[in-house]
All heavy atoms as atom14 arrays in JSON, in Angstrom:
{
  "sequence": "NLSAGANRLDPAAEFPAELPAQLRYDALTNPGGARGDVYDHTVNVYGR",
  "atom14_mask": [
    [1, 1, 1, 1, 1, 1, 1, 1, 0, 0, 0, 0, 0, 0],
    [1, 1, 1, 1, 1, 1, 1, 1, 0, 0, 0, 0, 0, 0],
    [1, 1, 1, 1, 1, 1, 0, 0, 0, 0, 0, 0, 0, 0],
    [1, 1, 1, 1, 1, 0, 0, 0, 0, 0, 0, 0, 0, 0],
    [1, 1, 1, 1, 0, 0, 0, 0, 0, 0, 0, 0, 0, 0],
    [1, 1, 1, 1, 1, 0, 0, 0, 0, 0, 0, 0, 0, 0],
    [1, 1, 1, 1, 1, 1, 1, 1, 0, 0, 0, 0, 0, 0],
    [1, 1, 1, 1, 1, 1, 1, 1, 1, 1, 1, 0, 0, 0],
    [1, 1, 1, 1, 1, 1, 1, 1, 0, 0, 0, 0, 0, 0],
    [1, 1, 1, 1, 1, 1, 1, 1, 0, 0, 0, 0, 0, 0],
    [1, 1, 1, 1, 1, 1, 1, 0, 0, 0, 0, 0, 0, 0],
    [1, 1, 1, 1, 1, 0, 0, 0, 0, 0, 0, 0, 0, 0],
    [1, 1, 1, 1, 1, 0, 0, 0, 0, 0, 0, 0, 0, 0],
    [1, 1, 1, 1, 1, 1, 1, 1, 1, 0, 0, 0, 0, 0],
    [1, 1, 1, 1, 1, 1, 1, 1, 1, 1, 1, 0, 0, 0],
    [1, 1, 1, 1, 1, 1, 1, 0, 0, 0, 0, 0, 0, 0],
    [1, 1, 1, 1, 1, 0, 0, 0, 0, 0, 0, 0, 0, 0],
    [1, 1, 1, 1, 1, 1, 1, 1, 1, 0, 0, 0, 0, 0],
    [1, 1, 1, 1, 1, 1, 1, 1, 0, 0, 0, 0, 0, 0],
    [1, 1, 1, 1, 1, 1, 1, 0, 0, 0, 0, 0, 0, 0],
    [1, 1, 1, 1, 1, 0, 0, 0, 0, 0, 0, 0, 0, 0],
    [1, 1, 1, 1, 1, 1, 1, 1, 1, 0, 0, 0, 0, 0],
    [1, 1, 1, 1, 1, 1, 1, 1, 0, 0, 0, 0, 0, 0],
    [1, 1, 1, 1, 1, 1, 1, 1, 1, 1, 1, 0, 0, 0],
    [1, 1, 1, 1, 1, 1, 1, 1, 1, 1, 1, 1, 0, 0],
    [1, 1, 1, 1, 1, 1, 1, 1, 0, 0, 0, 0, 0, 0],
    [1, 1, 1, 1, 1, 0, 0, 0, 0, 0, 0, 0, 0, 0],
    [1, 1, 1, 1, 1, 1, 1, 1, 0, 0, 0, 0, 0, 0],
    [1, 1, 1, 1, 1, 1, 1, 0, 0, 0, 0, 0, 0, 0],
    [1, 1, 1, 1, 1, 1, 1, 1, 0, 0, 0, 0, 0, 0],
    [1, 1, 1, 1, 1, 1, 1, 0, 0, 0, 0, 0, 0, 0],
    [1, 1, 1, 1, 0, 0, 0, 0, 0, 0, 0, 0, 0, 0],
    [1, 1, 1, 1, 0, 0, 0, 0, 0, 0, 0, 0, 0, 0],
    [1, 1, 1, 1, 1, 0, 0, 0, 0, 0, 0, 0, 0, 0],
    [1, 1, 1, 1, 1, 1, 1, 1, 1, 1, 1, 0, 0, 0],
    [1, 1, 1, 1, 0, 0, 0, 0, 0, 0, 0, 0, 0, 0],
    [1, 1, 1, 1, 1, 1, 1, 1, 0, 0, 0, 0, 0, 0],
    [1, 1, 1, 1, 1, 1, 1, 0, 0, 0, 0, 0, 0, 0],
    [1, 1, 1, 1, 1, 1, 1, 1, 1, 1, 1, 1, 0, 0],
    [1, 1, 1, 1, 1, 1, 1, 1, 0, 0, 0, 0, 0, 0],
    [1, 1, 1, 1, 1, 1, 1, 1, 1, 1, 0, 0, 0, 0],
    [1, 1, 1, 1, 1, 1, 1, 0, 0, 0, 0, 0, 0, 0],
    [1, 1, 1, 1, 1, 1, 1, 0, 0, 0, 0, 0, 0, 0],
    [1, 1, 1, 1, 1, 1, 1, 1, 0, 0, 0, 0, 0, 0],
    [1, 1, 1, 1, 1, 1, 1, 0, 0, 0, 0, 0, 0, 0],
    [1, 1, 1, 1, 1, 1, 1, 1, 1, 1, 1, 1, 0, 0],
    [1, 1, 1, 1, 0, 0, 0, 0, 0, 0, 0, 0, 0, 0],
    [1, 1, 1, 1, 1, 1, 1, 1, 1, 1, 1, 0, 0, 0]
  ],
  "atom14_positions": [
    [[148.05, 29.68, 94.29], [147.82, 29.17, 95.64], [149.09, 28.57, 96.21], [149.51, 28.88, 97.34], [146.69, 28.12, 95.59], [146.29, 27.59, 96.94], [147.13, 27.19, 97.75], [144.99, 27.54, 97.2], [0.0, 0.0, 0.0], [0.0, 0.0, 0.0], [0.0, 0.0, 0.0], [0.0, 0.0, 0.0], [0.0, 0.0, 0.0], [0.0, 0.0, 0.0]],
    [[149.75, 27.73, 95.43], [150.96, 27.07, 95.92], [152.15, 28.02, 95.93], [153.06, 27.87, 96.76], [151.27, 25.82, 95.1], [150.59, 24.54, 95.6], [149.08, 24.6, 95.43], [151.14, 23.31, 94.91], [0.0, 0.0, 0.0], [0.0, 0.0, 0.0], [0.0, 0.0, 0.0], [0.0, 0.0, 0.0], [0.0, 0.0, 0.0], [0.0, 0.0, 0.0]],
    [[152.15, 29.01, 95.06], [153.2, 30.02, 95.11], [153.14, 30.77, 96.43], [154.18, 31.06, 97.04], [153.06, 31.0, 93.94], [154.0, 32.04, 94.04], [0.0, 0.0, 0.0], [0.0, 0.0, 0.0], [0.0, 0.0, 0.0], [0.0, 0.0, 0.0], [0.0, 0.0, 0.0], [0.0, 0.0, 0.0], [0.0, 0.0, 0.0], [0.0, 0.0, 0.0]],
    [[151.95, 31.06, 96.9], [151.81, 31.69, 98.22], [152.32, 30.76, 99.31], [152.94, 31.21, 100.28], [150.35, 32.07, 98.47], [0.0, 0.0, 0.0], [0.0, 0.0, 0.0], [0.0, 0.0, 0.0], [0.0, 0.0, 0.0], [0.0, 0.0, 0.0], [0.0, 0.0, 0.0], [0.0, 0.0, 0.0], [0.0, 0.0, 0.0], [0.0, 0.0, 0.0]],
    [[152.12, 29.48, 99.13], [152.62, 28.51, 100.1], [154.14, 28.49, 100.17], [154.72, 28.07, 101.18], [0.0, 0.0, 0.0], [0.0, 0.0, 0.0], [0.0, 0.0, 0.0], [0.0, 0.0, 0.0], [0.0, 0.0, 0.0], [0.0, 0.0, 0.0], [0.0, 0.0, 0.0], [0.0, 0.0, 0.0], [0.0, 0.0, 0.0], [0.0, 0.0, 0.0]],
    [[154.78, 28.96, 99.11], [156.24, 29.01, 99.09], [156.79, 30.09, 100.01], [158.02, 30.24, 100.12], [156.74, 29.24, 97.66], [0.0, 0.0, 0.0], [0.0, 0.0, 0.0], [0.0, 0.0, 0.0], [0.0, 0.0, 0.0], [0.0, 0.0, 0.0], [0.0, 0.0, 0.0], [0.0, 0.0, 0.0], [0.0, 0.0, 0.0], [0.0, 0.0, 0.0]],
    [[155.93, 30.8, 100.71], [156.41, 31.75, 101.72], [157.22, 31.04, 102.8], [158.03, 31.68, 103.48], [155.23, 32.48, 102.36], [154.76, 33.65, 101.52], [155.38, 34.01, 100.52], [153.64, 34.24, 101.9], [0.0, 0.0, 0.0], [0.0, 0.0, 0.0], [0.0, 0.0, 0.0], [0.0, 0.0, 0.0], [0.0, 0.0, 0.0], [0.0, 0.0, 0.0]],
    [[157.03, 29.75, 102.96], [157.83, 29.01, 103.93], [159.31, 28.94, 103.51], [160.16, 28.57, 104.32], [157.27, 27.59, 104.12], [157.48, 26.67, 102.95], [156.85, 25.31, 103.16], [155.4, 25.4, 103.26], [154.61, 24.35, 103.49], [155.13, 23.15, 103.68], [153.3, 24.49, 103.55], [0.0, 0.0, 0.0], [0.0, 0.0, 0.0], [0.0, 0.0, 0.0]],
    [[159.59, 29.29, 102.27], [160.97, 29.33, 101.78], [161.56, 30.72, 101.89], [162.75, 30.91, 101.64], [161.03, 28.88, 100.32], [160.31, 27.58, 99.94], [160.47, 27.31, 98.46], [160.82, 26.42, 100.76], [0.0, 0.0, 0.0], [0.0, 0.0, 0.0], [0.0, 0.0, 0.0], [0.0, 0.0, 0.0], [0.0, 0.0, 0.0], [0.0, 0.0, 0.0]],
    [[160.74, 31.69, 102.25], [161.13, 33.1, 102.28], [161.4, 33.53, 103.72], [160.49, 33.55, 104.55], [159.99, 33.95, 101.69], [160.35, 35.42, 101.57], [161.25, 35.88, 102.28], [159.7, 36.1, 100.75], [0.0, 0.0, 0.0], [0.0, 0.0, 0.0], [0.0, 0.0, 0.0], [0.0, 0.0, 0.0], [0.0, 0.0, 0.0], [0.0, 0.0, 0.0]],
    [[162.64, 33.86, 104.06], [162.98, 34.13, 105.46], [162.37, 35.4, 106.04], [162.46, 35.63, 107.25], [164.5, 34.22, 105.44], [164.82, 34.67, 104.06], [163.8, 34.0, 103.18], [0.0, 0.0, 0.0], [0.0, 0.0, 0.0], [0.0, 0.0, 0.0], [0.0, 0.0, 0.0], [0.0, 0.0, 0.0], [0.0, 0.0, 0.0], [0.0, 0.0, 0.0]],
    [[161.77, 36.24, 105.2], [161.21, 37.5, 105.69], [159.7, 37.59, 105.5], [159.1, 38.61, 105.83], [161.88, 38.68, 104.99], [0.0, 0.0, 0.0], [0.0, 0.0, 0.0], [0.0, 0.0, 0.0], [0.0, 0.0, 0.0], [0.0, 0.0, 0.0], [0.0, 0.0, 0.0], [0.0, 0.0, 0.0], [0.0, 0.0, 0.0], [0.0, 0.0, 0.0]],
    [[159.08, 36.54, 104.99], [157.68, 36.65, 104.58], [156.69, 36.55, 105.73], [155.76, 37.36, 105.83], [157.36, 35.59, 103.53], [0.0, 0.0, 0.0], [0.0, 0.0, 0.0], [0.0, 0.0, 0.0], [0.0, 0.0, 0.0], [0.0, 0.0, 0.0], [0.0, 0.0, 0.0], [0.0, 0.0, 0.0], [0.0, 0.0, 0.0], [0.0, 0.0, 0.0]],
    [[156.84, 35.56, 106.6], [155.79, 35.29, 107.58], [156.4, 34.87, 108.92], [157.3, 34.02, 108.97], [154.85, 34.2, 107.08], [154.07, 34.62, 105.84], [153.1, 33.56, 105.36], [153.29, 32.38, 105.67], [152.15, 33.92, 104.65], [0.0, 0.0, 0.0], [0.0, 0.0, 0.0], [0.0, 0.0, 0.0], [0.0, 0.0, 0.0], [0.0, 0.0, 0.0]],
    [[155.85, 35.46, 109.99], [156.31, 35.15, 111.34], [155.09, 35.0, 112.25], [154.02, 35.57, 111.97], [157.2, 36.28, 111.88], [158.51, 36.42, 111.17], [158.64, 37.24, 110.06], [159.63, 35.72, 111.62], [159.85, 37.37, 109.41], [160.85, 35.84, 110.96], [160.96, 36.67, 109.86], [0.0, 0.0, 0.0], [0.0, 0.0, 0.0], [0.0, 0.0, 0.0]],
    [[155.25, 34.29, 113.35], [154.14, 34.24, 114.31], [153.91, 35.62, 114.9], [154.85, 36.41, 115.08], [154.64, 33.25, 115.36], [156.13, 33.29, 115.26], [156.42, 33.53, 113.81], [0.0, 0.0, 0.0], [0.0, 0.0, 0.0], [0.0, 0.0, 0.0], [0.0, 0.0, 0.0], [0.0, 0.0, 0.0], [0.0, 0.0, 0.0], [0.0, 0.0, 0.0]],
    [[152.66, 35.91, 115.23], [152.32, 37.23, 115.75], [153.06, 37.53, 117.04], [153.33, 38.7, 117.35], [150.81, 37.31, 115.97], [0.0, 0.0, 0.0], [0.0, 0.0, 0.0], [0.0, 0.0, 0.0], [0.0, 0.0, 0.0], [0.0, 0.0, 0.0], [0.0, 0.0, 0.0], [0.0, 0.0, 0.0], [0.0, 0.0, 0.0], [0.0, 0.0, 0.0]],
    [[153.42, 36.48, 117.8], [154.05, 36.69, 119.1], [155.5, 37.17, 119.01], [156.06, 37.64, 119.99], [154.01, 35.39, 119.92], [152.62, 34.85, 120.19], [152.08, 34.04, 119.03], [152.89, 33.51, 118.24], [150.84, 33.94, 118.89], [0.0, 0.0, 0.0], [0.0, 0.0, 0.0], [0.0, 0.0, 0.0], [0.0, 0.0, 0.0], [0.0, 0.0, 0.0]],
    [[156.12, 37.04, 117.84], [157.52, 37.44, 117.69], [157.58, 38.93, 117.34], [157.08, 39.34, 116.29], [158.21, 36.62, 116.6], [159.72, 36.85, 116.49], [160.44, 36.24, 117.7], [160.27, 36.27, 115.2], [0.0, 0.0, 0.0], [0.0, 0.0, 0.0], [0.0, 0.0, 0.0], [0.0, 0.0, 0.0], [0.0, 0.0, 0.0], [0.0, 0.0, 0.0]],
    [[158.16, 39.75, 118.2], [158.2, 41.2, 117.93], [158.85, 41.52, 116.6], [159.81, 40.86, 116.17], [159.03, 41.74, 119.1], [158.86, 40.74, 120.2], [158.77, 39.41, 119.5], [0.0, 0.0, 0.0], [0.0, 0.0, 0.0], [0.0, 0.0, 0.0], [0.0, 0.0, 0.0], [0.0, 0.0, 0.0], [0.0, 0.0, 0.0], [0.0, 0.0, 0.0]],
    [[158.33, 42.55, 115.94], [158.8, 42.91, 114.61], [160.29, 43.24, 114.6], [160.99, 42.96, 113.62], [157.98, 44.09, 114.08], [0.0, 0.0, 0.0], [0.0, 0.0, 0.0], [0.0, 0.0, 0.0], [0.0, 0.0, 0.0], [0.0, 0.0, 0.0], [0.0, 0.0, 0.0], [0.0, 0.0, 0.0], [0.0, 0.0, 0.0], [0.0, 0.0, 0.0]],
    [[160.79, 43.81, 115.68], [162.2, 44.22, 115.69], [163.16, 43.04, 115.75], [164.37, 43.21, 115.57], [162.48, 45.16, 116.87], [162.31, 44.55, 118.25], [160.91, 44.72, 118.8], [159.95, 44.9, 118.03], [160.78, 44.7, 120.12], [0.0, 0.0, 0.0], [0.0, 0.0, 0.0], [0.0, 0.0, 0.0], [0.0, 0.0, 0.0], [0.0, 0.0, 0.0]],
    [[162.63, 41.83, 116.0], [163.48, 40.64, 116.04], [163.47, 39.88, 114.71], [164.21, 38.93, 114.54], [163.04, 39.71, 117.17], [163.12, 40.26, 118.6], [162.63, 39.22, 119.6], [164.55, 40.69, 118.92], [0.0, 0.0, 0.0], [0.0, 0.0, 0.0], [0.0, 0.0, 0.0], [0.0, 0.0, 0.0], [0.0, 0.0, 0.0], [0.0, 0.0, 0.0]],
    [[162.65, 40.3, 113.78], [162.46, 39.56, 112.54], [163.49, 39.98, 111.47], [163.85, 41.15, 111.38], [161.05, 39.78, 112.0], [159.96, 39.41, 112.98], [158.58, 39.77, 112.45], [157.55, 39.53, 113.45], [156.24, 39.75, 113.25], [155.83, 40.2, 112.07], [155.38, 39.51, 114.22], [0.0, 0.0, 0.0], [0.0, 0.0, 0.0], [0.0, 0.0, 0.0]],
    [[163.87, 39.02, 110.68], [164.84, 39.28, 109.61], [164.27, 40.2, 108.54], [163.11, 40.07, 108.12], [165.25, 37.96, 108.96], [166.13, 38.11, 107.74], [167.49, 38.33, 107.87], [165.59, 38.04, 106.45], [168.3, 38.48, 106.75], [166.38, 38.18, 105.33], [167.74, 38.4, 105.48], [168.54, 38.54, 104.37], [0.0, 0.0, 0.0], [0.0, 0.0, 0.0]],
    [[165.08, 41.13, 108.11], [164.81, 41.94, 106.93], [166.16, 42.2, 106.28], [167.09, 42.67, 106.95], [164.11, 43.25, 107.29], [163.77, 44.07, 106.05], [164.67, 44.77, 105.54], [162.61, 43.99, 105.6], [0.0, 0.0, 0.0], [0.0, 0.0, 0.0], [0.0, 0.0, 0.0], [0.0, 0.0, 0.0], [0.0, 0.0, 0.0], [0.0, 0.0, 0.0]],
    [[166.27, 41.89, 105.02], [167.57, 41.97, 104.35], [168.18, 43.37, 104.43], [169.41, 43.51, 104.5], [167.43, 41.56, 102.88], [0.0, 0.0, 0.0], [0.0, 0.0, 0.0], [0.0, 0.0, 0.0], [0.0, 0.0, 0.0], [0.0, 0.0, 0.0], [0.0, 0.0, 0.0], [0.0, 0.0, 0.0], [0.0, 0.0, 0.0], [0.0, 0.0, 0.0]],
    [[167.34, 44.4, 104.47], [167.86, 45.77, 104.48], [167.92, 46.37, 105.87], [168.93, 46.99, 106.26], [166.99, 46.65, 103.57], [166.97, 46.28, 102.09], [166.03, 47.2, 101.32], [168.36, 46.32, 101.49], [0.0, 0.0, 0.0], [0.0, 0.0, 0.0], [0.0, 0.0, 0.0], [0.0, 0.0, 0.0], [0.0, 0.0, 0.0], [0.0, 0.0, 0.0]],
    [[166.84, 46.19, 106.65], [166.76, 46.9, 107.93], [167.18, 46.06, 109.12], [167.52, 46.61, 110.17], [165.32, 47.38, 108.16], [164.44, 46.24, 108.24], [164.87, 48.29, 107.01], [0.0, 0.0, 0.0], [0.0, 0.0, 0.0], [0.0, 0.0, 0.0], [0.0, 0.0, 0.0], [0.0, 0.0, 0.0], [0.0, 0.0, 0.0], [0.0, 0.0, 0.0]],
    [[167.18, 44.74, 108.99], [167.57, 43.89, 110.12], [168.19, 42.59, 109.61], [167.65, 41.5, 109.81], [166.35, 43.58, 111.01], [166.75, 42.98, 112.34], [167.92, 43.07, 112.76], [165.8, 42.35, 113.02], [0.0, 0.0, 0.0], [0.0, 0.0, 0.0], [0.0, 0.0, 0.0], [0.0, 0.0, 0.0], [0.0, 0.0, 0.0], [0.0, 0.0, 0.0]],
    [[169.33, 42.68, 108.96], [169.94, 41.48, 108.36], [170.4, 40.45, 109.39], [170.65, 39.3, 109.02], [171.14, 42.04, 107.58], [171.45, 43.35, 108.24], [170.13, 43.9, 108.69], [0.0, 0.0, 0.0], [0.0, 0.0, 0.0], [0.0, 0.0, 0.0], [0.0, 0.0, 0.0], [0.0, 0.0, 0.0], [0.0, 0.0, 0.0], [0.0, 0.0, 0.0]],
    [[170.51, 40.83, 110.65], [170.88, 39.87, 111.68], [169.7, 39.3, 112.43], [169.87, 38.58, 113.42], [0.0, 0.0, 0.0], [0.0, 0.0, 0.0], [0.0, 0.0, 0.0], [0.0, 0.0, 0.0], [0.0, 0.0, 0.0], [0.0, 0.0, 0.0], [0.0, 0.0, 0.0], [0.0, 0.0, 0.0], [0.0, 0.0, 0.0], [0.0, 0.0, 0.0]],
    [[168.48, 39.6, 111.96], [167.28, 39.14, 112.65], [166.98, 37.67, 112.42], [167.64, 36.98, 111.63], [0.0, 0.0, 0.0], [0.0, 0.0, 0.0], [0.0, 0.0, 0.0], [0.0, 0.0, 0.0], [0.0, 0.0, 0.0], [0.0, 0.0, 0.0], [0.0, 0.0, 0.0], [0.0, 0.0, 0.0], [0.0, 0.0, 0.0], [0.0, 0.0, 0.0]],
    [[165.96, 37.19, 113.11], [165.54, 35.79, 113.0], [164.94, 35.52, 111.63], [164.01, 36.22, 111.21], [164.53, 35.47, 114.1], [0.0, 0.0, 0.0], [0.0, 0.0, 0.0], [0.0, 0.0, 0.0], [0.0, 0.0, 0.0], [0.0, 0.0, 0.0], [0.0, 0.0, 0.0], [0.0, 0.0, 0.0], [0.0, 0.0, 0.0], [0.0, 0.0, 0.0]],
    [[165.46, 34.51, 110.95], [165.0, 34.17, 109.6], [163.86, 33.15, 109.69], [164.02, 32.08, 110.28], [166.16, 33.62, 108.76], [167.2, 34.68, 108.43], [168.44, 34.08, 107.8], [168.17, 33.36, 106.56], [168.09, 33.93, 105.36], [168.24, 35.25, 105.25], [167.86, 33.2, 104.28], [0.0, 0.0, 0.0], [0.0, 0.0, 0.0], [0.0, 0.0, 0.0]],
    [[162.74, 33.5, 109.07], [161.54, 32.67, 109.18], [161.32, 31.79, 107.97], [160.45, 32.06, 107.14], [0.0, 0.0, 0.0], [0.0, 0.0, 0.0], [0.0, 0.0, 0.0], [0.0, 0.0, 0.0], [0.0, 0.0, 0.0], [0.0, 0.0, 0.0], [0.0, 0.0, 0.0], [0.0, 0.0, 0.0], [0.0, 0.0, 0.0], [0.0, 0.0, 0.0]],
    [[162.1, 30.72, 107.85], [161.92, 29.78, 106.75], [162.26, 28.38, 107.23], [162.88, 28.2, 108.27], [162.79, 30.16, 105.55], [164.28, 30.07, 105.86], [164.84, 31.06, 106.37], [164.86, 29.01, 105.61], [0.0, 0.0, 0.0], [0.0, 0.0, 0.0], [0.0, 0.0, 0.0], [0.0, 0.0, 0.0], [0.0, 0.0, 0.0], [0.0, 0.0, 0.0]],
    [[161.85, 27.38, 106.45], [162.0, 26.0, 106.89], [163.46, 25.57, 107.01], [163.78, 24.69, 107.81], [161.26, 25.03, 105.93], [159.76, 25.18, 106.07], [161.69, 25.23, 104.48], [0.0, 0.0, 0.0], [0.0, 0.0, 0.0], [0.0, 0.0, 0.0], [0.0, 0.0, 0.0], [0.0, 0.0, 0.0], [0.0, 0.0, 0.0], [0.0, 0.0, 0.0]],
    [[164.34, 26.18, 106.25], [165.73, 25.77, 106.28], [166.44, 26.33, 107.52], [167.16, 25.6, 108.22], [166.43, 26.18, 104.99], [165.77, 25.6, 103.78], [165.16, 26.42, 102.83], [165.69, 24.22, 103.59], [164.52, 25.88, 101.73], [165.05, 23.68, 102.5], [164.46, 24.51, 101.56], [163.82, 23.97, 100.49], [0.0, 0.0, 0.0], [0.0, 0.0, 0.0]],
    [[166.25, 27.6, 107.8], [166.86, 28.15, 109.01], [166.22, 27.54, 110.26], [166.88, 27.46, 111.3], [166.71, 29.67, 109.02], [167.67, 30.33, 108.05], [168.83, 30.55, 108.43], [167.27, 30.6, 106.89], [0.0, 0.0, 0.0], [0.0, 0.0, 0.0], [0.0, 0.0, 0.0], [0.0, 0.0, 0.0], [0.0, 0.0, 0.0], [0.0, 0.0, 0.0]],
    [[164.99, 27.1, 110.16], [164.33, 26.46, 111.29], [164.88, 25.06, 111.54], [164.69, 24.49, 112.61], [162.82, 26.39, 111.03], [162.0, 25.97, 112.2], [162.2, 26.45, 113.47], [160.97, 25.09, 112.29], [161.32, 25.9, 114.3], [160.57, 25.07, 113.6], [0.0, 0.0, 0.0], [0.0, 0.0, 0.0], [0.0, 0.0, 0.0], [0.0, 0.0, 0.0]],
    [[165.57, 24.49, 110.55], [166.14, 23.15, 110.68], [167.66, 23.21, 110.53], [168.3, 22.29, 110.04], [165.52, 22.2, 109.62], [164.11, 22.4, 109.59], [165.75, 20.73, 109.96], [0.0, 0.0, 0.0], [0.0, 0.0, 0.0], [0.0, 0.0, 0.0], [0.0, 0.0, 0.0], [0.0, 0.0, 0.0], [0.0, 0.0, 0.0], [0.0, 0.0, 0.0]],
    [[168.24, 24.32, 110.97], [169.67, 24.56, 110.76], [170.53, 23.55, 111.5], [171.67, 23.27, 111.09], [170.03, 26.0, 111.17], [169.96, 26.19, 112.67], [171.39, 26.4, 110.63], [0.0, 0.0, 0.0], [0.0, 0.0, 0.0], [0.0, 0.0, 0.0], [0.0, 0.0, 0.0], [0.0, 0.0, 0.0], [0.0, 0.0, 0.0], [0.0, 0.0, 0.0]],
    [[170.03, 22.95, 112.59], [170.82, 21.95, 113.31], [171.13, 20.74, 112.43], [172.11, 20.02, 112.68], [170.09, 21.49, 114.56], [170.05, 22.55, 115.63], [170.7, 23.58, 115.51], [169.29, 22.31, 116.68], [0.0, 0.0, 0.0], [0.0, 0.0, 0.0], [0.0, 0.0, 0.0], [0.0, 0.0, 0.0], [0.0, 0.0, 0.0], [0.0, 0.0, 0.0]],
    [[170.3, 20.49, 111.44], [170.53, 19.39, 110.5], [171.35, 19.85, 109.3], [172.33, 19.22, 108.91], [169.2, 18.78, 110.02], [169.44, 17.71, 108.96], [168.41, 18.2, 111.18], [0.0, 0.0, 0.0], [0.0, 0.0, 0.0], [0.0, 0.0, 0.0], [0.0, 0.0, 0.0], [0.0, 0.0, 0.0], [0.0, 0.0, 0.0], [0.0, 0.0, 0.0]],
    [[170.95, 20.97, 108.71], [171.54, 21.39, 107.44], [172.85, 22.15, 107.61], [173.67, 22.16, 106.7], [170.54, 22.27, 106.67], [169.27, 21.55, 106.32], [168.03, 22.16, 106.47], [169.29, 20.25, 105.83], [166.85, 21.5, 106.13], [168.12, 19.58, 105.5], [166.9, 20.22, 105.66], [165.74, 19.56, 105.34], [0.0, 0.0, 0.0], [0.0, 0.0, 0.0]],
    [[173.06, 22.8, 108.75], [174.26, 23.59, 108.96], [174.14, 24.97, 108.33], [173.15, 25.29, 107.66], [0.0, 0.0, 0.0], [0.0, 0.0, 0.0], [0.0, 0.0, 0.0], [0.0, 0.0, 0.0], [0.0, 0.0, 0.0], [0.0, 0.0, 0.0], [0.0, 0.0, 0.0], [0.0, 0.0, 0.0], [0.0, 0.0, 0.0], [0.0, 0.0, 0.0]],
    [[175.16, 25.8, 108.53], [175.15, 27.17, 108.03], [176.18, 27.37, 106.92], [177.27, 26.81, 106.95], [175.45, 28.16, 109.16], [174.38, 28.22, 110.22], [174.58, 29.41, 111.14], [173.62, 29.4, 112.23], [172.38, 29.86, 112.15], [171.96, 30.37, 111.0], [171.57, 29.81, 113.19], [0.0, 0.0, 0.0], [0.0, 0.0, 0.0], [0.0, 0.0, 0.0]]
  ]
}
């Protein structure tokens, strides 16, 4: 159960339905896409 919850750490696992698939990160097909994880979502604090 909690391992599934770790999808928040996975930049390609889960996105809101409203975000088009072509904008989402994929390591192979869209490496420049939007990364869906808690760290990239808080990048203003953590930096790149």
